[in-house]
Each structure stands twice: as structure tokens, then as C-alpha cells.
Amino acid sequence: KNTVYLQMNSLKPEDTAVYYCQANR
């Protein structure tokens, strides 16, 4: 599917942010 995922559990207030995906090669 050409997709990467981030499953986030037990979230905390300090996890508040803008989340970015990066491809690297």
C-alpha cells in the first residue's frame, strides 16, 4: 500500500505536536 503507520497508545499531553513523515534513502 506504500504506507507507513504510527500506532500511538497511552497518549500523554506531552505527545502533543505536529507529526511528520520522512522518507530517507
PDBML (XML) file of the C-alpha atoms, coordinates in Angstrom:
<?xml version="1.0" encoding="UTF-8" ?>
<PDBx:datablock datablockName="MODEL"
   xmlns:PDBx="http://pdbml.pdb.org/schema/pdbx-v50.xsd"
   xmlns:xsi="http://www.w3.org/2001/XMLSchema-instance"
   xsi:schemaLocation="http://pdbml.pdb.org/schema/pdbx-v50.xsd pdbx-v50.xsd">
   <PDBx:atom_siteCategory>
      <PDBx:atom_site id="1">
         <PDBx:B_iso_or_equiv>0.00</PDBx:B_iso_or_equiv>
         <PDBx:Cartn_x>0.000</PDBx:Cartn_x>
         <PDBx:Cartn_y>0.000</PDBx:Cartn_y>
         <PDBx:Cartn_z>0.000</PDBx:Cartn_z>
         <PDBx:auth_asym_id>A</PDBx:auth_asym_id>
         <PDBx:auth_atom_id>CA</PDBx:auth_atom_id>
         <PDBx:auth_comp_id>LYS</PDBx:auth_comp_id>
         <PDBx:auth_seq_id>1</PDBx:auth_seq_id>
         <PDBx:group_PDB>ATOM</PDBx:group_PDB>
         <PDBx:label_alt_id xsi:nil="true" />
         <PDBx:label_asym_id>A</PDBx:label_asym_id>
         <PDBx:label_atom_id>CA</PDBx:label_atom_id>
         <PDBx:label_comp_id>LYS</PDBx:label_comp_id>
         <PDBx:label_entity_id>1</PDBx:label_entity_id>
         <PDBx:label_seq_id>1</PDBx:label_seq_id>
         <PDBx:occupancy>1.00</PDBx:occupancy>
         <PDBx:pdbx_PDB_model_num>1</PDBx:pdbx_PDB_model_num>
         <PDBx:type_symbol>C</PDBx:type_symbol>
      </PDBx:atom_site>
      <PDBx:atom_site id="2">
         <PDBx:B_iso_or_equiv>0.00</PDBx:B_iso_or_equiv>
         <PDBx:Cartn_x>3.080</PDBx:Cartn_x>
         <PDBx:Cartn_y>2.286</PDBx:Cartn_y>
         <PDBx:Cartn_z>0.092</PDBx:Cartn_z>
         <PDBx:auth_asym_id>A</PDBx:auth_asym_id>
         <PDBx:auth_atom_id>CA</PDBx:auth_atom_id>
         <PDBx:auth_comp_id>ASN</PDBx:auth_comp_id>
         <PDBx:auth_seq_id>2</PDBx:auth_seq_id>
         <PDBx:group_PDB>ATOM</PDBx:group_PDB>
         <PDBx:label_alt_id xsi:nil="true" />
         <PDBx:label_asym_id>A</PDBx:label_asym_id>
         <PDBx:label_atom_id>CA</PDBx:label_atom_id>
         <PDBx:label_comp_id>ASN</PDBx:label_comp_id>
         <PDBx:label_entity_id>1</PDBx:label_entity_id>
         <PDBx:label_seq_id>2</PDBx:label_seq_id>
         <PDBx:occupancy>1.00</PDBx:occupancy>
         <PDBx:pdbx_PDB_model_num>1</PDBx:pdbx_PDB_model_num>
         <PDBx:type_symbol>C</PDBx:type_symbol>
      </PDBx:atom_site>
      <PDBx:atom_site id="3">
         <PDBx:B_iso_or_equiv>0.00</PDBx:B_iso_or_equiv>
         <PDBx:Cartn_x>2.050</PDBx:Cartn_x>
         <PDBx:Cartn_y>3.421</PDBx:Cartn_y>
         <PDBx:Cartn_z>3.544</PDBx:Cartn_z>
         <PDBx:auth_asym_id>A</PDBx:auth_asym_id>
         <PDBx:auth_atom_id>CA</PDBx:auth_atom_id>
         <PDBx:auth_comp_id>THR</PDBx:auth_comp_id>
         <PDBx:auth_seq_id>3</PDBx:auth_seq_id>
         <PDBx:group_PDB>ATOM</PDBx:group_PDB>
         <PDBx:label_alt_id xsi:nil="true" />
         <PDBx:label_asym_id>A</PDBx:label_asym_id>
         <PDBx:label_atom_id>CA</PDBx:label_atom_id>
         <PDBx:label_comp_id>THR</PDBx:label_comp_id>
         <PDBx:label_entity_id>1</PDBx:label_entity_id>
         <PDBx:label_seq_id>3</PDBx:label_seq_id>
         <PDBx:occupancy>1.00</PDBx:occupancy>
         <PDBx:pdbx_PDB_model_num>1</PDBx:pdbx_PDB_model_num>
         <PDBx:type_symbol>C</PDBx:type_symbol>
      </PDBx:atom_site>
      <PDBx:atom_site id="4">
         <PDBx:B_iso_or_equiv>0.00</PDBx:B_iso_or_equiv>
         <PDBx:Cartn_x>3.777</PDBx:Cartn_x>
         <PDBx:Cartn_y>3.745</PDBx:Cartn_y>
         <PDBx:Cartn_z>6.890</PDBx:Cartn_z>
         <PDBx:auth_asym_id>A</PDBx:auth_asym_id>
         <PDBx:auth_atom_id>CA</PDBx:auth_atom_id>
         <PDBx:auth_comp_id>VAL</PDBx:auth_comp_id>
         <PDBx:auth_seq_id>4</PDBx:auth_seq_id>
         <PDBx:group_PDB>ATOM</PDBx:group_PDB>
         <PDBx:label_alt_id xsi:nil="true" />
         <PDBx:label_asym_id>A</PDBx:label_asym_id>
         <PDBx:label_atom_id>CA</PDBx:label_atom_id>
         <PDBx:label_comp_id>VAL</PDBx:label_comp_id>
         <PDBx:label_entity_id>1</PDBx:label_entity_id>
         <PDBx:label_seq_id>4</PDBx:label_seq_id>
         <PDBx:occupancy>1.00</PDBx:occupancy>
         <PDBx:pdbx_PDB_model_num>1</PDBx:pdbx_PDB_model_num>
         <PDBx:type_symbol>C</PDBx:type_symbol>
      </PDBx:atom_site>
      <PDBx:atom_site id="5">
         <PDBx:B_iso_or_equiv>0.00</PDBx:B_iso_or_equiv>
         <PDBx:Cartn_x>1.821</PDBx:Cartn_x>
         <PDBx:Cartn_y>3.883</PDBx:Cartn_y>
         <PDBx:Cartn_z>10.115</PDBx:Cartn_z>
         <PDBx:auth_asym_id>A</PDBx:auth_asym_id>
         <PDBx:auth_atom_id>CA</PDBx:auth_atom_id>
         <PDBx:auth_comp_id>TYR</PDBx:auth_comp_id>
         <PDBx:auth_seq_id>5</PDBx:auth_seq_id>
         <PDBx:group_PDB>ATOM</PDBx:group_PDB>
         <PDBx:label_alt_id xsi:nil="true" />
         <PDBx:label_asym_id>A</PDBx:label_asym_id>
         <PDBx:label_atom_id>CA</PDBx:label_atom_id>
         <PDBx:label_comp_id>TYR</PDBx:label_comp_id>
         <PDBx:label_entity_id>1</PDBx:label_entity_id>
         <PDBx:label_seq_id>5</PDBx:label_seq_id>
         <PDBx:occupancy>1.00</PDBx:occupancy>
         <PDBx:pdbx_PDB_model_num>1</PDBx:pdbx_PDB_model_num>
         <PDBx:type_symbol>C</PDBx:type_symbol>
      </PDBx:atom_site>
      <PDBx:atom_site id="6">
         <PDBx:B_iso_or_equiv>0.00</PDBx:B_iso_or_equiv>
         <PDBx:Cartn_x>2.343</PDBx:Cartn_x>
         <PDBx:Cartn_y>5.037</PDBx:Cartn_y>
         <PDBx:Cartn_z>13.668</PDBx:Cartn_z>
         <PDBx:auth_asym_id>A</PDBx:auth_asym_id>
         <PDBx:auth_atom_id>CA</PDBx:auth_atom_id>
         <PDBx:auth_comp_id>LEU</PDBx:auth_comp_id>
         <PDBx:auth_seq_id>6</PDBx:auth_seq_id>
         <PDBx:group_PDB>ATOM</PDBx:group_PDB>
         <PDBx:label_alt_id xsi:nil="true" />
         <PDBx:label_asym_id>A</PDBx:label_asym_id>
         <PDBx:label_atom_id>CA</PDBx:label_atom_id>
         <PDBx:label_comp_id>LEU</PDBx:label_comp_id>
         <PDBx:label_entity_id>1</PDBx:label_entity_id>
         <PDBx:label_seq_id>6</PDBx:label_seq_id>
         <PDBx:occupancy>1.00</PDBx:occupancy>
         <PDBx:pdbx_PDB_model_num>1</PDBx:pdbx_PDB_model_num>
         <PDBx:type_symbol>C</PDBx:type_symbol>
      </PDBx:atom_site>
      <PDBx:atom_site id="7">
         <PDBx:B_iso_or_equiv>0.00</PDBx:B_iso_or_equiv>
         <PDBx:Cartn_x>0.103</PDBx:Cartn_x>
         <PDBx:Cartn_y>3.412</PDBx:Cartn_y>
         <PDBx:Cartn_z>16.247</PDBx:Cartn_z>
         <PDBx:auth_asym_id>A</PDBx:auth_asym_id>
         <PDBx:auth_atom_id>CA</PDBx:auth_atom_id>
         <PDBx:auth_comp_id>GLN</PDBx:auth_comp_id>
         <PDBx:auth_seq_id>7</PDBx:auth_seq_id>
         <PDBx:group_PDB>ATOM</PDBx:group_PDB>
         <PDBx:label_alt_id xsi:nil="true" />
         <PDBx:label_asym_id>A</PDBx:label_asym_id>
         <PDBx:label_atom_id>CA</PDBx:label_atom_id>
         <PDBx:label_comp_id>GLN</PDBx:label_comp_id>
         <PDBx:label_entity_id>1</PDBx:label_entity_id>
         <PDBx:label_seq_id>7</PDBx:label_seq_id>
         <PDBx:occupancy>1.00</PDBx:occupancy>
         <PDBx:pdbx_PDB_model_num>1</PDBx:pdbx_PDB_model_num>
         <PDBx:type_symbol>C</PDBx:type_symbol>
      </PDBx:atom_site>
      <PDBx:atom_site id="8">
         <PDBx:B_iso_or_equiv>0.00</PDBx:B_iso_or_equiv>
         <PDBx:Cartn_x>0.076</PDBx:Cartn_x>
         <PDBx:Cartn_y>5.611</PDBx:Cartn_y>
         <PDBx:Cartn_z>19.335</PDBx:Cartn_z>
         <PDBx:auth_asym_id>A</PDBx:auth_asym_id>
         <PDBx:auth_atom_id>CA</PDBx:auth_atom_id>
         <PDBx:auth_comp_id>MET</PDBx:auth_comp_id>
         <PDBx:auth_seq_id>8</PDBx:auth_seq_id>
         <PDBx:group_PDB>ATOM</PDBx:group_PDB>
         <PDBx:label_alt_id xsi:nil="true" />
         <PDBx:label_asym_id>A</PDBx:label_asym_id>
         <PDBx:label_atom_id>CA</PDBx:label_atom_id>
         <PDBx:label_comp_id>MET</PDBx:label_comp_id>
         <PDBx:label_entity_id>1</PDBx:label_entity_id>
         <PDBx:label_seq_id>8</PDBx:label_seq_id>
         <PDBx:occupancy>1.00</PDBx:occupancy>
         <PDBx:pdbx_PDB_model_num>1</PDBx:pdbx_PDB_model_num>
         <PDBx:type_symbol>C</PDBx:type_symbol>
      </PDBx:atom_site>
      <PDBx:atom_site id="9">
         <PDBx:B_iso_or_equiv>0.00</PDBx:B_iso_or_equiv>
         <PDBx:Cartn_x>-1.348</PDBx:Cartn_x>
         <PDBx:Cartn_y>4.244</PDBx:Cartn_y>
         <PDBx:Cartn_z>22.584</PDBx:Cartn_z>
         <PDBx:auth_asym_id>A</PDBx:auth_asym_id>
         <PDBx:auth_atom_id>CA</PDBx:auth_atom_id>
         <PDBx:auth_comp_id>ASN</PDBx:auth_comp_id>
         <PDBx:auth_seq_id>9</PDBx:auth_seq_id>
         <PDBx:group_PDB>ATOM</PDBx:group_PDB>
         <PDBx:label_alt_id xsi:nil="true" />
         <PDBx:label_asym_id>A</PDBx:label_asym_id>
         <PDBx:label_atom_id>CA</PDBx:label_atom_id>
         <PDBx:label_comp_id>ASN</PDBx:label_comp_id>
         <PDBx:label_entity_id>1</PDBx:label_entity_id>
         <PDBx:label_seq_id>9</PDBx:label_seq_id>
         <PDBx:occupancy>1.00</PDBx:occupancy>
         <PDBx:pdbx_PDB_model_num>1</PDBx:pdbx_PDB_model_num>
         <PDBx:type_symbol>C</PDBx:type_symbol>
      </PDBx:atom_site>
      <PDBx:atom_site id="10">
         <PDBx:B_iso_or_equiv>0.00</PDBx:B_iso_or_equiv>
         <PDBx:Cartn_x>-1.457</PDBx:Cartn_x>
         <PDBx:Cartn_y>5.603</PDBx:Cartn_y>
         <PDBx:Cartn_z>26.131</PDBx:Cartn_z>
         <PDBx:auth_asym_id>A</PDBx:auth_asym_id>
         <PDBx:auth_atom_id>CA</PDBx:auth_atom_id>
         <PDBx:auth_comp_id>SER</PDBx:auth_comp_id>
         <PDBx:auth_seq_id>10</PDBx:auth_seq_id>
         <PDBx:group_PDB>ATOM</PDBx:group_PDB>
         <PDBx:label_alt_id xsi:nil="true" />
         <PDBx:label_asym_id>A</PDBx:label_asym_id>
         <PDBx:label_atom_id>CA</PDBx:label_atom_id>
         <PDBx:label_comp_id>SER</PDBx:label_comp_id>
         <PDBx:label_entity_id>1</PDBx:label_entity_id>
         <PDBx:label_seq_id>10</PDBx:label_seq_id>
         <PDBx:occupancy>1.00</PDBx:occupancy>
         <PDBx:pdbx_PDB_model_num>1</PDBx:pdbx_PDB_model_num>
         <PDBx:type_symbol>C</PDBx:type_symbol>
      </PDBx:atom_site>
      <PDBx:atom_site id="11">
         <PDBx:B_iso_or_equiv>0.00</PDBx:B_iso_or_equiv>
         <PDBx:Cartn_x>-1.107</PDBx:Cartn_x>
         <PDBx:Cartn_y>9.121</PDBx:Cartn_y>
         <PDBx:Cartn_z>24.799</PDBx:Cartn_z>
         <PDBx:auth_asym_id>A</PDBx:auth_asym_id>
         <PDBx:auth_atom_id>CA</PDBx:auth_atom_id>
         <PDBx:auth_comp_id>LEU</PDBx:auth_comp_id>
         <PDBx:auth_seq_id>11</PDBx:auth_seq_id>
         <PDBx:group_PDB>ATOM</PDBx:group_PDB>
         <PDBx:label_alt_id xsi:nil="true" />
         <PDBx:label_asym_id>A</PDBx:label_asym_id>
         <PDBx:label_atom_id>CA</PDBx:label_atom_id>
         <PDBx:label_comp_id>LEU</PDBx:label_comp_id>
         <PDBx:label_entity_id>1</PDBx:label_entity_id>
         <PDBx:label_seq_id>11</PDBx:label_seq_id>
         <PDBx:occupancy>1.00</PDBx:occupancy>
         <PDBx:pdbx_PDB_model_num>1</PDBx:pdbx_PDB_model_num>
         <PDBx:type_symbol>C</PDBx:type_symbol>
      </PDBx:atom_site>
      <PDBx:atom_site id="12">
         <PDBx:B_iso_or_equiv>0.00</PDBx:B_iso_or_equiv>
         <PDBx:Cartn_x>0.102</PDBx:Cartn_x>
         <PDBx:Cartn_y>11.856</PDBx:Cartn_y>
         <PDBx:Cartn_z>27.108</PDBx:Cartn_z>
         <PDBx:auth_asym_id>A</PDBx:auth_asym_id>
         <PDBx:auth_atom_id>CA</PDBx:auth_atom_id>
         <PDBx:auth_comp_id>LYS</PDBx:auth_comp_id>
         <PDBx:auth_seq_id>12</PDBx:auth_seq_id>
         <PDBx:group_PDB>ATOM</PDBx:group_PDB>
         <PDBx:label_alt_id xsi:nil="true" />
         <PDBx:label_asym_id>A</PDBx:label_asym_id>
         <PDBx:label_atom_id>CA</PDBx:label_atom_id>
         <PDBx:label_comp_id>LYS</PDBx:label_comp_id>
         <PDBx:label_entity_id>1</PDBx:label_entity_id>
         <PDBx:label_seq_id>12</PDBx:label_seq_id>
         <PDBx:occupancy>1.00</PDBx:occupancy>
         <PDBx:pdbx_PDB_model_num>1</PDBx:pdbx_PDB_model_num>
         <PDBx:type_symbol>C</PDBx:type_symbol>
      </PDBx:atom_site>
      <PDBx:atom_site id="13">
         <PDBx:B_iso_or_equiv>0.00</PDBx:B_iso_or_equiv>
         <PDBx:Cartn_x>-0.246</PDBx:Cartn_x>
         <PDBx:Cartn_y>15.646</PDBx:Cartn_y>
         <PDBx:Cartn_z>26.917</PDBx:Cartn_z>
         <PDBx:auth_asym_id>A</PDBx:auth_asym_id>
         <PDBx:auth_atom_id>CA</PDBx:auth_atom_id>
         <PDBx:auth_comp_id>PRO</PDBx:auth_comp_id>
         <PDBx:auth_seq_id>13</PDBx:auth_seq_id>
         <PDBx:group_PDB>ATOM</PDBx:group_PDB>
         <PDBx:label_alt_id xsi:nil="true" />
         <PDBx:label_asym_id>A</PDBx:label_asym_id>
         <PDBx:label_atom_id>CA</PDBx:label_atom_id>
         <PDBx:label_comp_id>PRO</PDBx:label_comp_id>
         <PDBx:label_entity_id>1</PDBx:label_entity_id>
         <PDBx:label_seq_id>13</PDBx:label_seq_id>
         <PDBx:occupancy>1.00</PDBx:occupancy>
         <PDBx:pdbx_PDB_model_num>1</PDBx:pdbx_PDB_model_num>
         <PDBx:type_symbol>C</PDBx:type_symbol>
      </PDBx:atom_site>
      <PDBx:atom_site id="14">
         <PDBx:B_iso_or_equiv>0.00</PDBx:B_iso_or_equiv>
         <PDBx:Cartn_x>3.480</PDBx:Cartn_x>
         <PDBx:Cartn_y>15.848</PDBx:Cartn_y>
         <PDBx:Cartn_z>26.151</PDBx:Cartn_z>
         <PDBx:auth_asym_id>A</PDBx:auth_asym_id>
         <PDBx:auth_atom_id>CA</PDBx:auth_atom_id>
         <PDBx:auth_comp_id>GLU</PDBx:auth_comp_id>
         <PDBx:auth_seq_id>14</PDBx:auth_seq_id>
         <PDBx:group_PDB>ATOM</PDBx:group_PDB>
         <PDBx:label_alt_id xsi:nil="true" />
         <PDBx:label_asym_id>A</PDBx:label_asym_id>
         <PDBx:label_atom_id>CA</PDBx:label_atom_id>
         <PDBx:label_comp_id>GLU</PDBx:label_comp_id>
         <PDBx:label_entity_id>1</PDBx:label_entity_id>
         <PDBx:label_seq_id>14</PDBx:label_seq_id>
         <PDBx:occupancy>1.00</PDBx:occupancy>
         <PDBx:pdbx_PDB_model_num>1</PDBx:pdbx_PDB_model_num>
         <PDBx:type_symbol>C</PDBx:type_symbol>
      </PDBx:atom_site>
      <PDBx:atom_site id="15">
         <PDBx:B_iso_or_equiv>0.00</PDBx:B_iso_or_equiv>
         <PDBx:Cartn_x>2.852</PDBx:Cartn_x>
         <PDBx:Cartn_y>13.906</PDBx:Cartn_y>
         <PDBx:Cartn_z>22.942</PDBx:Cartn_z>
         <PDBx:auth_asym_id>A</PDBx:auth_asym_id>
         <PDBx:auth_atom_id>CA</PDBx:auth_atom_id>
         <PDBx:auth_comp_id>ASP</PDBx:auth_comp_id>
         <PDBx:auth_seq_id>15</PDBx:auth_seq_id>
         <PDBx:group_PDB>ATOM</PDBx:group_PDB>
         <PDBx:label_alt_id xsi:nil="true" />
         <PDBx:label_asym_id>A</PDBx:label_asym_id>
         <PDBx:label_atom_id>CA</PDBx:label_atom_id>
         <PDBx:label_comp_id>ASP</PDBx:label_comp_id>
         <PDBx:label_entity_id>1</PDBx:label_entity_id>
         <PDBx:label_seq_id>15</PDBx:label_seq_id>
         <PDBx:occupancy>1.00</PDBx:occupancy>
         <PDBx:pdbx_PDB_model_num>1</PDBx:pdbx_PDB_model_num>
         <PDBx:type_symbol>C</PDBx:type_symbol>
      </PDBx:atom_site>
      <PDBx:atom_site id="16">
         <PDBx:B_iso_or_equiv>0.00</PDBx:B_iso_or_equiv>
         <PDBx:Cartn_x>1.062</PDBx:Cartn_x>
         <PDBx:Cartn_y>16.973</PDBx:Cartn_y>
         <PDBx:Cartn_z>21.575</PDBx:Cartn_z>
         <PDBx:auth_asym_id>A</PDBx:auth_asym_id>
         <PDBx:auth_atom_id>CA</PDBx:auth_atom_id>
         <PDBx:auth_comp_id>THR</PDBx:auth_comp_id>
         <PDBx:auth_seq_id>16</PDBx:auth_seq_id>
         <PDBx:group_PDB>ATOM</PDBx:group_PDB>
         <PDBx:label_alt_id xsi:nil="true" />
         <PDBx:label_asym_id>A</PDBx:label_asym_id>
         <PDBx:label_atom_id>CA</PDBx:label_atom_id>
         <PDBx:label_comp_id>THR</PDBx:label_comp_id>
         <PDBx:label_entity_id>1</PDBx:label_entity_id>
         <PDBx:label_seq_id>16</PDBx:label_seq_id>
         <PDBx:occupancy>1.00</PDBx:occupancy>
         <PDBx:pdbx_PDB_model_num>1</PDBx:pdbx_PDB_model_num>
         <PDBx:type_symbol>C</PDBx:type_symbol>
      </PDBx:atom_site>
      <PDBx:atom_site id="17">
         <PDBx:B_iso_or_equiv>0.00</PDBx:B_iso_or_equiv>
         <PDBx:Cartn_x>2.867</PDBx:Cartn_x>
         <PDBx:Cartn_y>18.055</PDBx:Cartn_y>
         <PDBx:Cartn_z>18.410</PDBx:Cartn_z>
         <PDBx:auth_asym_id>A</PDBx:auth_asym_id>
         <PDBx:auth_atom_id>CA</PDBx:auth_atom_id>
         <PDBx:auth_comp_id>ALA</PDBx:auth_comp_id>
         <PDBx:auth_seq_id>17</PDBx:auth_seq_id>
         <PDBx:group_PDB>ATOM</PDBx:group_PDB>
         <PDBx:label_alt_id xsi:nil="true" />
         <PDBx:label_asym_id>A</PDBx:label_asym_id>
         <PDBx:label_atom_id>CA</PDBx:label_atom_id>
         <PDBx:label_comp_id>ALA</PDBx:label_comp_id>
         <PDBx:label_entity_id>1</PDBx:label_entity_id>
         <PDBx:label_seq_id>17</PDBx:label_seq_id>
         <PDBx:occupancy>1.00</PDBx:occupancy>
         <PDBx:pdbx_PDB_model_num>1</PDBx:pdbx_PDB_model_num>
         <PDBx:type_symbol>C</PDBx:type_symbol>
      </PDBx:atom_site>
      <PDBx:atom_site id="18">
         <PDBx:B_iso_or_equiv>0.00</PDBx:B_iso_or_equiv>
         <PDBx:Cartn_x>2.750</PDBx:Cartn_x>
         <PDBx:Cartn_y>18.169</PDBx:Cartn_y>
         <PDBx:Cartn_z>14.656</PDBx:Cartn_z>
         <PDBx:auth_asym_id>A</PDBx:auth_asym_id>
         <PDBx:auth_atom_id>CA</PDBx:auth_atom_id>
         <PDBx:auth_comp_id>VAL</PDBx:auth_comp_id>
         <PDBx:auth_seq_id>18</PDBx:auth_seq_id>
         <PDBx:group_PDB>ATOM</PDBx:group_PDB>
         <PDBx:label_alt_id xsi:nil="true" />
         <PDBx:label_asym_id>A</PDBx:label_asym_id>
         <PDBx:label_atom_id>CA</PDBx:label_atom_id>
         <PDBx:label_comp_id>VAL</PDBx:label_comp_id>
         <PDBx:label_entity_id>1</PDBx:label_entity_id>
         <PDBx:label_seq_id>18</PDBx:label_seq_id>
         <PDBx:occupancy>1.00</PDBx:occupancy>
         <PDBx:pdbx_PDB_model_num>1</PDBx:pdbx_PDB_model_num>
         <PDBx:type_symbol>C</PDBx:type_symbol>
      </PDBx:atom_site>
      <PDBx:atom_site id="19">
         <PDBx:B_iso_or_equiv>0.00</PDBx:B_iso_or_equiv>
         <PDBx:Cartn_x>3.797</PDBx:Cartn_x>
         <PDBx:Cartn_y>14.739</PDBx:Cartn_y>
         <PDBx:Cartn_z>13.405</PDBx:Cartn_z>
         <PDBx:auth_asym_id>A</PDBx:auth_asym_id>
         <PDBx:auth_atom_id>CA</PDBx:auth_atom_id>
         <PDBx:auth_comp_id>TYR</PDBx:auth_comp_id>
         <PDBx:auth_seq_id>19</PDBx:auth_seq_id>
         <PDBx:group_PDB>ATOM</PDBx:group_PDB>
         <PDBx:label_alt_id xsi:nil="true" />
         <PDBx:label_asym_id>A</PDBx:label_asym_id>
         <PDBx:label_atom_id>CA</PDBx:label_atom_id>
         <PDBx:label_comp_id>TYR</PDBx:label_comp_id>
         <PDBx:label_entity_id>1</PDBx:label_entity_id>
         <PDBx:label_seq_id>19</PDBx:label_seq_id>
         <PDBx:occupancy>1.00</PDBx:occupancy>
         <PDBx:pdbx_PDB_model_num>1</PDBx:pdbx_PDB_model_num>
         <PDBx:type_symbol>C</PDBx:type_symbol>
      </PDBx:atom_site>
      <PDBx:atom_site id="20">
         <PDBx:B_iso_or_equiv>0.00</PDBx:B_iso_or_equiv>
         <PDBx:Cartn_x>5.748</PDBx:Cartn_x>
         <PDBx:Cartn_y>14.455</PDBx:Cartn_y>
         <PDBx:Cartn_z>10.171</PDBx:Cartn_z>
         <PDBx:auth_asym_id>A</PDBx:auth_asym_id>
         <PDBx:auth_atom_id>CA</PDBx:auth_atom_id>
         <PDBx:auth_comp_id>TYR</PDBx:auth_comp_id>
         <PDBx:auth_seq_id>20</PDBx:auth_seq_id>
         <PDBx:group_PDB>ATOM</PDBx:group_PDB>
         <PDBx:label_alt_id xsi:nil="true" />
         <PDBx:label_asym_id>A</PDBx:label_asym_id>
         <PDBx:label_atom_id>CA</PDBx:label_atom_id>
         <PDBx:label_comp_id>TYR</PDBx:label_comp_id>
         <PDBx:label_entity_id>1</PDBx:label_entity_id>
         <PDBx:label_seq_id>20</PDBx:label_seq_id>
         <PDBx:occupancy>1.00</PDBx:occupancy>
         <PDBx:pdbx_PDB_model_num>1</PDBx:pdbx_PDB_model_num>
         <PDBx:type_symbol>C</PDBx:type_symbol>
      </PDBx:atom_site>
      <PDBx:atom_site id="21">
         <PDBx:B_iso_or_equiv>0.00</PDBx:B_iso_or_equiv>
         <PDBx:Cartn_x>6.534</PDBx:Cartn_x>
         <PDBx:Cartn_y>11.507</PDBx:Cartn_y>
         <PDBx:Cartn_z>7.955</PDBx:Cartn_z>
         <PDBx:auth_asym_id>A</PDBx:auth_asym_id>
         <PDBx:auth_atom_id>CA</PDBx:auth_atom_id>
         <PDBx:auth_comp_id>CYS</PDBx:auth_comp_id>
         <PDBx:auth_seq_id>21</PDBx:auth_seq_id>
         <PDBx:group_PDB>ATOM</PDBx:group_PDB>
         <PDBx:label_alt_id xsi:nil="true" />
         <PDBx:label_asym_id>A</PDBx:label_asym_id>
         <PDBx:label_atom_id>CA</PDBx:label_atom_id>
         <PDBx:label_comp_id>CYS</PDBx:label_comp_id>
         <PDBx:label_entity_id>1</PDBx:label_entity_id>
         <PDBx:label_seq_id>21</PDBx:label_seq_id>
         <PDBx:occupancy>1.00</PDBx:occupancy>
         <PDBx:pdbx_PDB_model_num>1</PDBx:pdbx_PDB_model_num>
         <PDBx:type_symbol>C</PDBx:type_symbol>
      </PDBx:atom_site>
      <PDBx:atom_site id="22">
         <PDBx:B_iso_or_equiv>0.00</PDBx:B_iso_or_equiv>
         <PDBx:Cartn_x>10.015</PDBx:Cartn_x>
         <PDBx:Cartn_y>11.244</PDBx:Cartn_y>
         <PDBx:Cartn_z>6.418</PDBx:Cartn_z>
         <PDBx:auth_asym_id>A</PDBx:auth_asym_id>
         <PDBx:auth_atom_id>CA</PDBx:auth_atom_id>
         <PDBx:auth_comp_id>GLN</PDBx:auth_comp_id>
         <PDBx:auth_seq_id>22</PDBx:auth_seq_id>
         <PDBx:group_PDB>ATOM</PDBx:group_PDB>
         <PDBx:label_alt_id xsi:nil="true" />
         <PDBx:label_asym_id>A</PDBx:label_asym_id>
         <PDBx:label_atom_id>CA</PDBx:label_atom_id>
         <PDBx:label_comp_id>GLN</PDBx:label_comp_id>
         <PDBx:label_entity_id>1</PDBx:label_entity_id>
         <PDBx:label_seq_id>22</PDBx:label_seq_id>
         <PDBx:occupancy>1.00</PDBx:occupancy>
         <PDBx:pdbx_PDB_model_num>1</PDBx:pdbx_PDB_model_num>
         <PDBx:type_symbol>C</PDBx:type_symbol>
      </PDBx:atom_site>
      <PDBx:atom_site id="23">
         <PDBx:B_iso_or_equiv>0.00</PDBx:B_iso_or_equiv>
         <PDBx:Cartn_x>11.395</PDBx:Cartn_x>
         <PDBx:Cartn_y>9.044</PDBx:Cartn_y>
         <PDBx:Cartn_z>3.646</PDBx:Cartn_z>
         <PDBx:auth_asym_id>A</PDBx:auth_asym_id>
         <PDBx:auth_atom_id>CA</PDBx:auth_atom_id>
         <PDBx:auth_comp_id>ALA</PDBx:auth_comp_id>
         <PDBx:auth_seq_id>23</PDBx:auth_seq_id>
         <PDBx:group_PDB>ATOM</PDBx:group_PDB>
         <PDBx:label_alt_id xsi:nil="true" />
         <PDBx:label_asym_id>A</PDBx:label_asym_id>
         <PDBx:label_atom_id>CA</PDBx:label_atom_id>
         <PDBx:label_comp_id>ALA</PDBx:label_comp_id>
         <PDBx:label_entity_id>1</PDBx:label_entity_id>
         <PDBx:label_seq_id>23</PDBx:label_seq_id>
         <PDBx:occupancy>1.00</PDBx:occupancy>
         <PDBx:pdbx_PDB_model_num>1</PDBx:pdbx_PDB_model_num>
         <PDBx:type_symbol>C</PDBx:type_symbol>
      </PDBx:atom_site>
      <PDBx:atom_site id="24">
         <PDBx:B_iso_or_equiv>0.00</PDBx:B_iso_or_equiv>
         <PDBx:Cartn_x>15.139</PDBx:Cartn_x>
         <PDBx:Cartn_y>8.534</PDBx:Cartn_y>
         <PDBx:Cartn_z>3.590</PDBx:Cartn_z>
         <PDBx:auth_asym_id>A</PDBx:auth_asym_id>
         <PDBx:auth_atom_id>CA</PDBx:auth_atom_id>
         <PDBx:auth_comp_id>ASN</PDBx:auth_comp_id>
         <PDBx:auth_seq_id>24</PDBx:auth_seq_id>
         <PDBx:group_PDB>ATOM</PDBx:group_PDB>
         <PDBx:label_alt_id xsi:nil="true" />
         <PDBx:label_asym_id>A</PDBx:label_asym_id>
         <PDBx:label_atom_id>CA</PDBx:label_atom_id>
         <PDBx:label_comp_id>ASN</PDBx:label_comp_id>
         <PDBx:label_entity_id>1</PDBx:label_entity_id>
         <PDBx:label_seq_id>24</PDBx:label_seq_id>
         <PDBx:occupancy>1.00</PDBx:occupancy>
         <PDBx:pdbx_PDB_model_num>1</PDBx:pdbx_PDB_model_num>
         <PDBx:type_symbol>C</PDBx:type_symbol>
      </PDBx:atom_site>
      <PDBx:atom_site id="25">
         <PDBx:B_iso_or_equiv>0.00</PDBx:B_iso_or_equiv>
         <PDBx:Cartn_x>17.412</PDBx:Cartn_x>
         <PDBx:Cartn_y>6.935</PDBx:Cartn_y>
         <PDBx:Cartn_z>1.037</PDBx:Cartn_z>
         <PDBx:auth_asym_id>A</PDBx:auth_asym_id>
         <PDBx:auth_atom_id>CA</PDBx:auth_atom_id>
         <PDBx:auth_comp_id>ARG</PDBx:auth_comp_id>
         <PDBx:auth_seq_id>25</PDBx:auth_seq_id>
         <PDBx:group_PDB>ATOM</PDBx:group_PDB>
         <PDBx:label_alt_id xsi:nil="true" />
         <PDBx:label_asym_id>A</PDBx:label_asym_id>
         <PDBx:label_atom_id>CA</PDBx:label_atom_id>
         <PDBx:label_comp_id>ARG</PDBx:label_comp_id>
         <PDBx:label_entity_id>1</PDBx:label_entity_id>
         <PDBx:label_seq_id>25</PDBx:label_seq_id>
         <PDBx:occupancy>1.00</PDBx:occupancy>
         <PDBx:pdbx_PDB_model_num>1</PDBx:pdbx_PDB_model_num>
         <PDBx:type_symbol>C</PDBx:type_symbol>
      </PDBx:atom_site>
   </PDBx:atom_siteCategory>
</PDBx:datablock>
